[in-house]
Amino acid sequence: MHLNPYGEYAVLLAASLADDWPADRDGIEARTRRFGMTMEFPNEPDDHSLTRVVIDEWLRVVDEPVAERRAALLNAQMAAATAYPRLTDHDGEGWHLHYRDDVQKLPIVLRAVISVGTALHLSTRGMSRLARCAAEPCGNVVVDVTRNGRQRYCSVRCSNRAAVRRHRARGGA
């Protein structure tokens, strides 16, 4: 049973930002809303560039194939977040956990949510459940949320392209 939604939605949010970087701060905030974050963030002039740093640091976790080094990178990111879990009932949504202070800048909140969410995702589903798409030359992030843990492609399109390439390489067409 998967009890904590922070893992999946936070990792999917990070992958979405990594694969399709928004042009401005408003685009980042709109993306957070699309993935279920409802809080208001104070608008700071460096939000866009600092959020890019958060995503680039997170991509180091994605690209690290060794579980122990992946965990060390993620532990450092969680330590840098300097937020602690807290129960909240904002906006009448009902009691739930937040991994951040209530009035922090957008990049700081995203560092906390994404790093904790990634740790939950990897520790509950498996340390190999985060990678880059196996279809060359695609470099999108694959967040494996499948039951069998064998997702290698970011989309059906990339999966089909890879299958066609394998078929042609065998001399099938």
N, C-alpha and C. Protein backbone atom coordinates (compact mmCIF):
# COMPACT_ATOMS: atom_id res chain seq x y z
N MET A 1 0.84 -1.17 0.00
CA MET A 1 0.00 0.00 0.00
C MET A 1 0.89 1.24 0.00
N HIS A 2 0.59 2.16 -0.88
CA HIS A 2 1.36 3.40 -0.99
C HIS A 2 0.63 4.48 -0.19
N LEU A 3 1.20 4.87 0.97
CA LEU A 3 0.51 5.77 1.88
C LEU A 3 0.84 7.24 1.68
N ASN A 4 1.95 7.55 1.05
CA ASN A 4 2.37 8.94 1.00
C ASN A 4 2.44 9.44 -0.45
N PRO A 5 1.58 10.37 -0.83
CA PRO A 5 1.56 10.84 -2.21
C PRO A 5 2.75 11.73 -2.56
N TYR A 6 3.51 12.22 -1.55
CA TYR A 6 4.63 13.09 -1.85
C TYR A 6 5.62 12.43 -2.80
N GLY A 7 5.83 11.14 -2.66
CA GLY A 7 6.81 10.46 -3.50
C GLY A 7 6.49 10.59 -4.97
N GLU A 8 5.34 10.12 -5.36
CA GLU A 8 5.02 10.07 -6.79
C GLU A 8 4.83 11.45 -7.40
N TYR A 9 3.99 12.29 -6.81
CA TYR A 9 3.72 13.57 -7.47
C TYR A 9 4.94 14.47 -7.47
N ALA A 10 5.74 14.44 -6.41
CA ALA A 10 6.92 15.30 -6.36
C ALA A 10 7.96 14.89 -7.40
N VAL A 11 8.14 13.59 -7.59
CA VAL A 11 9.11 13.11 -8.57
C VAL A 11 8.59 13.38 -9.98
N LEU A 12 7.30 13.21 -10.20
CA LEU A 12 6.73 13.52 -11.51
C LEU A 12 6.82 15.02 -11.81
N LEU A 13 6.63 15.85 -10.79
CA LEU A 13 6.80 17.30 -10.96
C LEU A 13 8.24 17.62 -11.35
N ALA A 14 9.20 17.06 -10.63
CA ALA A 14 10.61 17.31 -10.93
C ALA A 14 10.95 16.86 -12.36
N ALA A 15 10.45 15.70 -12.75
CA ALA A 15 10.71 15.20 -14.10
C ALA A 15 10.09 16.12 -15.14
N SER A 16 8.89 16.59 -14.87
CA SER A 16 8.22 17.51 -15.79
C SER A 16 9.03 18.80 -15.96
N LEU A 17 9.53 19.35 -14.86
CA LEU A 17 10.35 20.56 -14.95
C LEU A 17 11.67 20.29 -15.67
N ALA A 18 12.27 19.14 -15.41
CA ALA A 18 13.54 18.80 -16.05
C ALA A 18 13.38 18.60 -17.55
N ASP A 19 12.29 17.96 -17.95
CA ASP A 19 12.08 17.62 -19.36
C ASP A 19 11.54 18.77 -20.19
N ASP A 20 10.86 19.70 -19.54
CA ASP A 20 10.23 20.81 -20.26
C ASP A 20 10.31 22.05 -19.37
N TRP A 21 11.51 22.65 -19.35
CA TRP A 21 11.78 23.77 -18.45
C TRP A 21 10.92 24.97 -18.82
N PRO A 22 10.15 25.50 -17.87
CA PRO A 22 9.31 26.67 -18.14
C PRO A 22 10.15 27.92 -18.45
N ALA A 23 9.60 28.79 -19.25
CA ALA A 23 10.31 29.99 -19.69
C ALA A 23 10.46 31.04 -18.59
N ASP A 24 9.59 30.97 -17.57
CA ASP A 24 9.64 31.99 -16.52
C ASP A 24 9.09 31.43 -15.22
N ARG A 25 9.14 32.26 -14.19
CA ARG A 25 8.68 31.86 -12.87
C ARG A 25 7.21 31.47 -12.87
N ASP A 26 6.38 32.22 -13.60
CA ASP A 26 4.96 31.91 -13.65
C ASP A 26 4.73 30.50 -14.20
N GLY A 27 5.55 30.11 -15.16
CA GLY A 27 5.44 28.76 -15.71
C GLY A 27 5.78 27.69 -14.68
N ILE A 28 6.76 27.98 -13.84
CA ILE A 28 7.12 27.03 -12.77
C ILE A 28 5.95 26.90 -11.79
N GLU A 29 5.41 28.03 -11.37
CA GLU A 29 4.32 28.00 -10.41
C GLU A 29 3.08 27.31 -11.00
N ALA A 30 2.79 27.56 -12.27
CA ALA A 30 1.67 26.89 -12.93
C ALA A 30 1.89 25.37 -12.94
N ARG A 31 3.11 24.95 -13.17
CA ARG A 31 3.43 23.51 -13.19
C ARG A 31 3.24 22.91 -11.79
N THR A 32 3.63 23.64 -10.75
CA THR A 32 3.45 23.12 -9.39
C THR A 32 1.96 22.93 -9.11
N ARG A 33 1.15 23.83 -9.59
CA ARG A 33 -0.30 23.71 -9.39
C ARG A 33 -0.86 22.50 -10.15
N ARG A 34 -0.35 22.28 -11.36
CA ARG A 34 -0.80 21.13 -12.16
C ARG A 34 -0.49 19.81 -11.46
N PHE A 35 0.56 19.81 -10.63
CA PHE A 35 0.94 18.60 -9.92
C PHE A 35 0.45 18.59 -8.47
N GLY A 36 -0.48 19.48 -8.13
CA GLY A 36 -1.18 19.38 -6.87
C GLY A 36 -0.74 20.32 -5.76
N MET A 37 0.25 21.17 -5.98
CA MET A 37 0.65 22.11 -4.92
C MET A 37 -0.30 23.31 -4.97
N THR A 38 -0.82 23.69 -3.82
CA THR A 38 -1.83 24.76 -3.81
C THR A 38 -1.38 26.02 -3.10
N MET A 39 -0.23 25.98 -2.44
CA MET A 39 0.17 27.15 -1.64
C MET A 39 0.59 28.33 -2.52
N GLU A 40 0.46 29.51 -1.96
CA GLU A 40 0.95 30.73 -2.60
C GLU A 40 2.42 30.91 -2.24
N PHE A 41 3.21 31.35 -3.18
CA PHE A 41 4.63 31.58 -2.95
C PHE A 41 4.93 33.06 -3.09
N PRO A 42 5.76 33.62 -2.21
CA PRO A 42 6.17 35.01 -2.42
C PRO A 42 6.99 35.08 -3.72
N ASN A 43 6.72 36.09 -4.52
CA ASN A 43 7.39 36.23 -5.81
C ASN A 43 8.73 36.92 -5.63
N GLU A 44 9.82 36.20 -5.91
CA GLU A 44 11.17 36.73 -5.76
C GLU A 44 11.84 36.77 -7.14
N PRO A 45 12.67 37.77 -7.40
CA PRO A 45 13.27 37.91 -8.74
C PRO A 45 14.18 36.75 -9.15
N ASP A 46 14.74 36.02 -8.19
CA ASP A 46 15.66 34.93 -8.55
C ASP A 46 15.00 33.55 -8.50
N ASP A 47 13.68 33.48 -8.38
CA ASP A 47 12.99 32.19 -8.30
C ASP A 47 13.27 31.29 -9.50
N HIS A 48 13.23 31.85 -10.68
CA HIS A 48 13.42 31.05 -11.90
C HIS A 48 14.82 30.43 -11.92
N SER A 49 15.84 31.24 -11.69
CA SER A 49 17.22 30.73 -11.77
C SER A 49 17.54 29.79 -10.60
N LEU A 50 17.04 30.08 -9.40
CA LEU A 50 17.31 29.20 -8.27
C LEU A 50 16.55 27.87 -8.38
N THR A 51 15.37 27.90 -8.97
CA THR A 51 14.66 26.64 -9.19
C THR A 51 15.39 25.79 -10.22
N ARG A 52 16.01 26.43 -11.20
CA ARG A 52 16.82 25.68 -12.18
C ARG A 52 17.97 24.97 -11.48
N VAL A 53 18.58 25.61 -10.50
CA VAL A 53 19.66 24.99 -9.72
C VAL A 53 19.12 23.76 -8.98
N VAL A 54 17.93 23.87 -8.39
CA VAL A 54 17.32 22.74 -7.69
C VAL A 54 17.12 21.57 -8.65
N ILE A 55 16.60 21.84 -9.83
CA ILE A 55 16.35 20.78 -10.80
C ILE A 55 17.66 20.18 -11.30
N ASP A 56 18.66 21.01 -11.55
CA ASP A 56 19.96 20.48 -12.00
C ASP A 56 20.60 19.60 -10.93
N GLU A 57 20.47 19.97 -9.66
CA GLU A 57 20.98 19.13 -8.58
C GLU A 57 20.21 17.82 -8.52
N TRP A 58 18.91 17.89 -8.72
CA TRP A 58 18.08 16.68 -8.71
C TRP A 58 18.47 15.76 -9.87
N LEU A 59 18.80 16.33 -11.01
CA LEU A 59 19.20 15.50 -12.16
C LEU A 59 20.49 14.73 -11.87
N ARG A 60 21.32 15.23 -10.98
CA ARG A 60 22.51 14.47 -10.57
C ARG A 60 22.08 13.16 -9.90
N VAL A 61 20.99 13.19 -9.15
CA VAL A 61 20.45 11.97 -8.54
C VAL A 61 19.94 11.03 -9.63
N VAL A 62 19.21 11.58 -10.58
CA VAL A 62 18.67 10.78 -11.68
C VAL A 62 19.81 10.07 -12.43
N ASP A 63 20.88 10.79 -12.68
CA ASP A 63 21.97 10.27 -13.51
C ASP A 63 22.97 9.40 -12.75
N GLU A 64 22.85 9.30 -11.44
CA GLU A 64 23.78 8.49 -10.64
C GLU A 64 23.32 7.03 -10.62
N PRO A 65 24.09 6.12 -11.23
CA PRO A 65 23.64 4.73 -11.30
C PRO A 65 23.90 3.91 -10.03
N VAL A 66 24.81 4.35 -9.17
CA VAL A 66 25.16 3.58 -7.98
C VAL A 66 24.26 4.01 -6.82
N ALA A 67 23.53 3.05 -6.25
CA ALA A 67 22.53 3.35 -5.23
C ALA A 67 23.11 4.11 -4.04
N GLU A 68 24.28 3.71 -3.55
CA GLU A 68 24.86 4.38 -2.39
C GLU A 68 25.21 5.84 -2.69
N ARG A 69 25.75 6.09 -3.88
CA ARG A 69 26.08 7.49 -4.26
C ARG A 69 24.80 8.28 -4.53
N ARG A 70 23.81 7.62 -5.10
CA ARG A 70 22.51 8.26 -5.34
C ARG A 70 21.91 8.68 -4.00
N ALA A 71 21.96 7.79 -3.02
CA ALA A 71 21.44 8.10 -1.68
C ALA A 71 22.21 9.25 -1.03
N ALA A 72 23.53 9.26 -1.19
CA ALA A 72 24.35 10.33 -0.61
C ALA A 72 23.99 11.68 -1.22
N LEU A 73 23.81 11.73 -2.53
CA LEU A 73 23.40 12.98 -3.19
C LEU A 73 22.03 13.44 -2.68
N LEU A 74 21.12 12.51 -2.57
CA LEU A 74 19.77 12.83 -2.12
C LEU A 74 19.77 13.26 -0.65
N ASN A 75 20.56 12.60 0.17
CA ASN A 75 20.67 13.01 1.57
C ASN A 75 21.21 14.42 1.70
N ALA A 76 22.18 14.78 0.87
CA ALA A 76 22.72 16.14 0.90
C ALA A 76 21.66 17.15 0.48
N GLN A 77 20.84 16.80 -0.51
CA GLN A 77 19.78 17.71 -0.94
C GLN A 77 18.72 17.88 0.13
N MET A 78 18.39 16.78 0.82
CA MET A 78 17.40 16.90 1.90
C MET A 78 17.96 17.73 3.06
N ALA A 79 19.23 17.56 3.35
CA ALA A 79 19.86 18.35 4.42
C ALA A 79 19.87 19.83 4.07
N ALA A 80 20.09 20.14 2.80
CA ALA A 80 20.12 21.53 2.35
C ALA A 80 18.73 22.17 2.39
N ALA A 81 17.70 21.35 2.37
CA ALA A 81 16.33 21.88 2.38
C ALA A 81 15.99 22.53 3.72
N THR A 82 16.57 22.08 4.78
CA THR A 82 16.38 22.62 6.13
C THR A 82 14.91 22.84 6.50
N ALA A 83 14.06 22.00 6.01
CA ALA A 83 12.65 22.05 6.40
C ALA A 83 12.34 20.74 7.11
N TYR A 84 11.32 20.76 7.90
CA TYR A 84 10.93 19.54 8.57
C TYR A 84 9.46 19.28 8.31
N PRO A 85 9.05 18.02 8.38
CA PRO A 85 7.64 17.71 8.11
C PRO A 85 6.74 18.37 9.14
N ARG A 86 5.56 18.79 8.71
CA ARG A 86 4.59 19.36 9.63
C ARG A 86 3.19 19.08 9.12
N LEU A 87 2.28 18.90 10.06
CA LEU A 87 0.86 18.74 9.72
C LEU A 87 0.27 20.11 9.46
N THR A 88 -0.58 20.20 8.46
CA THR A 88 -1.23 21.47 8.14
C THR A 88 -2.63 21.20 7.62
N ASP A 89 -3.48 22.19 7.77
CA ASP A 89 -4.85 22.13 7.26
C ASP A 89 -5.18 23.44 6.57
N HIS A 90 -4.30 23.86 5.65
CA HIS A 90 -4.54 25.12 4.94
C HIS A 90 -5.62 24.94 3.88
N ASP A 91 -6.29 25.99 3.56
CA ASP A 91 -7.30 26.02 2.50
C ASP A 91 -8.44 25.03 2.71
N GLY A 92 -8.62 24.54 3.94
CA GLY A 92 -9.69 23.60 4.22
C GLY A 92 -9.57 22.27 3.49
N GLU A 93 -8.36 21.88 3.11
CA GLU A 93 -8.13 20.64 2.36
C GLU A 93 -8.16 19.40 3.24
N GLY A 94 -8.14 19.58 4.53
CA GLY A 94 -8.00 18.46 5.46
C GLY A 94 -6.54 18.33 5.88
N TRP A 95 -6.33 17.65 6.97
CA TRP A 95 -4.99 17.53 7.52
C TRP A 95 -4.11 16.68 6.60
N HIS A 96 -2.91 17.19 6.37
CA HIS A 96 -1.94 16.47 5.55
C HIS A 96 -0.53 16.96 5.90
N LEU A 97 0.47 16.26 5.40
CA LEU A 97 1.86 16.61 5.69
C LEU A 97 2.42 17.58 4.65
N HIS A 98 3.20 18.52 5.13
CA HIS A 98 4.03 19.37 4.27
C HIS A 98 5.48 19.18 4.72
N TYR A 99 6.38 19.19 3.76
CA TYR A 99 7.80 19.09 4.05
C TYR A 99 8.45 20.45 3.81
N ARG A 100 7.92 21.47 4.50
CA ARG A 100 8.43 22.83 4.30
C ARG A 100 7.81 23.76 5.33
N ASP A 101 8.45 24.91 5.48
CA ASP A 101 7.85 25.97 6.30
C ASP A 101 6.74 26.62 5.48
N ASP A 102 5.87 27.35 6.14
CA ASP A 102 4.71 27.91 5.45
C ASP A 102 5.01 29.08 4.53
N VAL A 103 6.00 29.90 4.85
CA VAL A 103 6.26 31.07 4.02
C VAL A 103 7.72 31.06 3.53
N GLN A 104 8.00 30.17 2.64
CA GLN A 104 9.33 30.09 2.06
C GLN A 104 9.26 30.35 0.57
N LYS A 105 10.42 30.70 0.03
CA LYS A 105 10.52 30.96 -1.40
C LYS A 105 10.27 29.68 -2.20
N LEU A 106 9.77 29.85 -3.40
CA LEU A 106 9.46 28.75 -4.30
C LEU A 106 10.60 27.75 -4.45
N PRO A 107 11.85 28.16 -4.76
CA PRO A 107 12.91 27.16 -4.93
C PRO A 107 13.23 26.37 -3.65
N ILE A 108 13.09 27.01 -2.51
CA ILE A 108 13.37 26.33 -1.24
C ILE A 108 12.30 25.28 -0.98
N VAL A 109 11.05 25.63 -1.22
CA VAL A 109 9.96 24.67 -1.06
C VAL A 109 10.14 23.51 -2.03
N LEU A 110 10.47 23.82 -3.28
CA LEU A 110 10.63 22.74 -4.26
C LEU A 110 11.79 21.83 -3.91
N ARG A 111 12.89 22.39 -3.39
CA ARG A 111 14.02 21.53 -2.96
C ARG A 111 13.55 20.54 -1.89
N ALA A 112 12.80 21.02 -0.91
CA ALA A 112 12.32 20.15 0.16
C ALA A 112 11.36 19.09 -0.38
N VAL A 113 10.36 19.52 -1.12
CA VAL A 113 9.33 18.60 -1.61
C VAL A 113 9.93 17.58 -2.58
N ILE A 114 10.76 18.04 -3.50
CA ILE A 114 11.32 17.13 -4.51
C ILE A 114 12.31 16.16 -3.88
N SER A 115 13.17 16.64 -2.99
CA SER A 115 14.17 15.73 -2.40
C SER A 115 13.50 14.70 -1.50
N VAL A 116 12.56 15.12 -0.66
CA VAL A 116 11.86 14.17 0.20
C VAL A 116 11.00 13.23 -0.65
N GLY A 117 10.31 13.78 -1.63
CA GLY A 117 9.49 12.94 -2.51
C GLY A 117 10.32 11.91 -3.26
N THR A 118 11.49 12.31 -3.72
CA THR A 118 12.36 11.37 -4.43
C THR A 118 12.86 10.29 -3.47
N ALA A 119 13.21 10.68 -2.26
CA ALA A 119 13.65 9.70 -1.26
C ALA A 119 12.53 8.70 -0.97
N LEU A 120 11.30 9.18 -0.81
CA LEU A 120 10.17 8.28 -0.59
C LEU A 120 9.94 7.36 -1.78
N HIS A 121 10.01 7.93 -2.97
CA HIS A 121 9.81 7.14 -4.19
C HIS A 121 10.84 6.02 -4.29
N LEU A 122 12.11 6.37 -4.12
CA LEU A 122 13.18 5.38 -4.27
C LEU A 122 13.19 4.36 -3.13
N SER A 123 12.91 4.80 -1.92
CA SER A 123 12.96 3.87 -0.79
C SER A 123 11.75 2.93 -0.75
N THR A 124 10.62 3.37 -1.28
CA THR A 124 9.44 2.50 -1.25
C THR A 124 9.28 1.67 -2.52
N ARG A 125 9.75 2.18 -3.64
CA ARG A 125 9.57 1.46 -4.91
C ARG A 125 10.85 0.78 -5.39
N GLY A 126 11.99 1.29 -4.98
CA GLY A 126 13.27 0.70 -5.40
C GLY A 126 14.21 1.76 -5.92
N MET A 127 15.48 1.61 -5.60
CA MET A 127 16.49 2.62 -5.96
C MET A 127 16.71 2.74 -7.46
N SER A 128 16.22 1.79 -8.23
CA SER A 128 16.40 1.85 -9.68
C SER A 128 15.19 2.46 -10.40
N ARG A 129 14.24 3.00 -9.66
CA ARG A 129 13.00 3.48 -10.25
C ARG A 129 13.05 4.92 -10.75
N LEU A 130 14.24 5.38 -11.10
CA LEU A 130 14.43 6.73 -11.61
C LEU A 130 15.62 6.68 -12.56
N ALA A 131 15.41 7.11 -13.81
CA ALA A 131 16.48 6.98 -14.81
C ALA A 131 16.19 7.92 -15.98
N ARG A 132 17.07 7.84 -16.97
CA ARG A 132 16.83 8.53 -18.24
C ARG A 132 16.19 7.54 -19.21
N CYS A 133 15.45 8.07 -20.15
CA CYS A 133 14.79 7.27 -21.17
C CYS A 133 15.83 6.44 -21.93
N ALA A 134 15.51 5.17 -22.16
CA ALA A 134 16.43 4.25 -22.83
C ALA A 134 16.44 4.43 -24.35
N ALA A 135 15.56 5.24 -24.88
CA ALA A 135 15.50 5.46 -26.33
C ALA A 135 16.46 6.58 -26.71
N GLU A 136 17.43 6.26 -27.52
CA GLU A 136 18.37 7.27 -28.00
C GLU A 136 17.69 8.11 -29.07
N PRO A 137 17.88 9.38 -29.15
CA PRO A 137 18.70 10.24 -28.32
C PRO A 137 17.92 10.91 -27.20
N CYS A 138 16.73 10.41 -26.87
CA CYS A 138 15.90 11.03 -25.84
C CYS A 138 16.64 11.06 -24.51
N GLY A 139 16.54 12.15 -23.81
CA GLY A 139 17.18 12.28 -22.51
C GLY A 139 16.18 12.57 -21.40
N ASN A 140 14.89 12.36 -21.68
CA ASN A 140 13.88 12.65 -20.68
C ASN A 140 14.02 11.74 -19.47
N VAL A 141 13.48 12.18 -18.37
CA VAL A 141 13.52 11.42 -17.12
C VAL A 141 12.38 10.40 -17.13
N VAL A 142 12.68 9.20 -16.65
CA VAL A 142 11.67 8.15 -16.49
C VAL A 142 11.46 7.94 -14.99
N VAL A 143 10.26 8.21 -14.54
CA VAL A 143 9.87 7.94 -13.16
C VAL A 143 9.03 6.66 -13.21
N ASP A 144 9.63 5.57 -12.79
CA ASP A 144 8.98 4.27 -12.91
C ASP A 144 7.98 4.08 -11.78
N VAL A 145 6.70 4.12 -12.12
CA VAL A 145 5.63 3.89 -11.16
C VAL A 145 4.84 2.63 -11.51
N THR A 146 5.43 1.79 -12.37
CA THR A 146 4.76 0.56 -12.78
C THR A 146 4.80 -0.47 -11.66
N ARG A 147 3.93 -1.45 -11.76
CA ARG A 147 3.91 -2.52 -10.76
C ARG A 147 5.16 -3.38 -10.84
N ASN A 148 5.60 -3.69 -12.05
CA ASN A 148 6.71 -4.62 -12.20
C ASN A 148 8.08 -3.95 -12.15
N GLY A 149 8.13 -2.63 -12.17
CA GLY A 149 9.40 -1.93 -12.05
C GLY A 149 10.31 -2.05 -13.25
N ARG A 150 9.74 -2.16 -14.43
CA ARG A 150 10.55 -2.36 -15.63
C ARG A 150 10.41 -1.25 -16.66
N GLN A 151 9.88 -0.12 -16.28
CA GLN A 151 9.69 0.99 -17.22
C GLN A 151 11.04 1.55 -17.63
N ARG A 152 11.31 1.58 -18.95
CA ARG A 152 12.60 2.05 -19.46
C ARG A 152 12.45 3.28 -20.35
N TYR A 153 11.24 3.58 -20.74
CA TYR A 153 11.00 4.66 -21.69
C TYR A 153 10.09 5.72 -21.08
N CYS A 154 10.26 6.96 -21.51
CA CYS A 154 9.47 8.06 -20.97
C CYS A 154 8.07 8.10 -21.54
N SER A 155 7.86 7.45 -22.69
CA SER A 155 6.56 7.52 -23.36
C SER A 155 6.38 6.31 -24.27
N VAL A 156 5.15 6.10 -24.67
CA VAL A 156 4.86 5.04 -25.63
C VAL A 156 5.58 5.33 -26.95
N ARG A 157 5.65 6.60 -27.31
CA ARG A 157 6.34 6.98 -28.54
C ARG A 157 7.80 6.54 -28.54
N CYS A 158 8.52 6.80 -27.44
CA CYS A 158 9.93 6.38 -27.35
C CYS A 158 10.04 4.86 -27.34
N SER A 159 9.13 4.20 -26.66
CA SER A 159 9.14 2.73 -26.62
C SER A 159 8.96 2.16 -28.03
N ASN A 160 8.01 2.71 -28.78
CA ASN A 160 7.76 2.24 -30.14
C ASN A 160 8.96 2.51 -31.05
N ARG A 161 9.56 3.69 -30.92
CA ARG A 161 10.75 4.00 -31.73
C ARG A 161 11.88 3.00 -31.46
N ALA A 162 12.09 2.70 -30.19
CA ALA A 162 13.15 1.75 -29.83
C ALA A 162 12.85 0.37 -30.39
N ALA A 163 11.58 -0.03 -30.35
CA ALA A 163 11.19 -1.34 -30.89
C ALA A 163 11.43 -1.39 -32.39
N VAL A 164 11.09 -0.32 -33.09
CA VAL A 164 11.33 -0.27 -34.54
C VAL A 164 12.83 -0.35 -34.84
N ARG A 165 13.64 0.37 -34.08
CA ARG A 165 15.10 0.32 -34.27
C ARG A 165 15.65 -1.09 -34.05
N ARG A 166 15.17 -1.75 -33.00
CA ARG A 166 15.63 -3.13 -32.74
C ARG A 166 15.20 -4.04 -33.88
N HIS A 167 13.99 -3.88 -34.35
CA HIS A 167 13.48 -4.71 -35.45
C HIS A 167 14.32 -4.49 -36.72
N ARG A 168 14.60 -3.26 -37.03
CA ARG A 168 15.40 -2.96 -38.23
C ARG A 168 16.83 -3.46 -38.08
N ALA A 169 17.38 -3.37 -36.87
CA ALA A 169 18.73 -3.85 -36.64
C ALA A 169 18.84 -5.37 -36.84
N ARG A 170 17.75 -6.09 -36.60
CA ARG A 170 17.74 -7.54 -36.81
C ARG A 170 17.52 -7.88 -38.28
N GLY A 171 17.31 -6.85 -39.09
CA GLY A 171 17.10 -7.08 -40.52
C GLY A 171 15.66 -7.33 -40.89
N GLY A 172 14.74 -6.88 -40.03
CA GLY A 172 13.32 -7.11 -40.24
C GLY A 172 12.70 -6.21 -41.27
N ALA A 173 13.34 -5.08 -41.59
CA ALA A 173 12.72 -4.19 -42.58
C ALA A 173 13.75 -3.28 -43.18
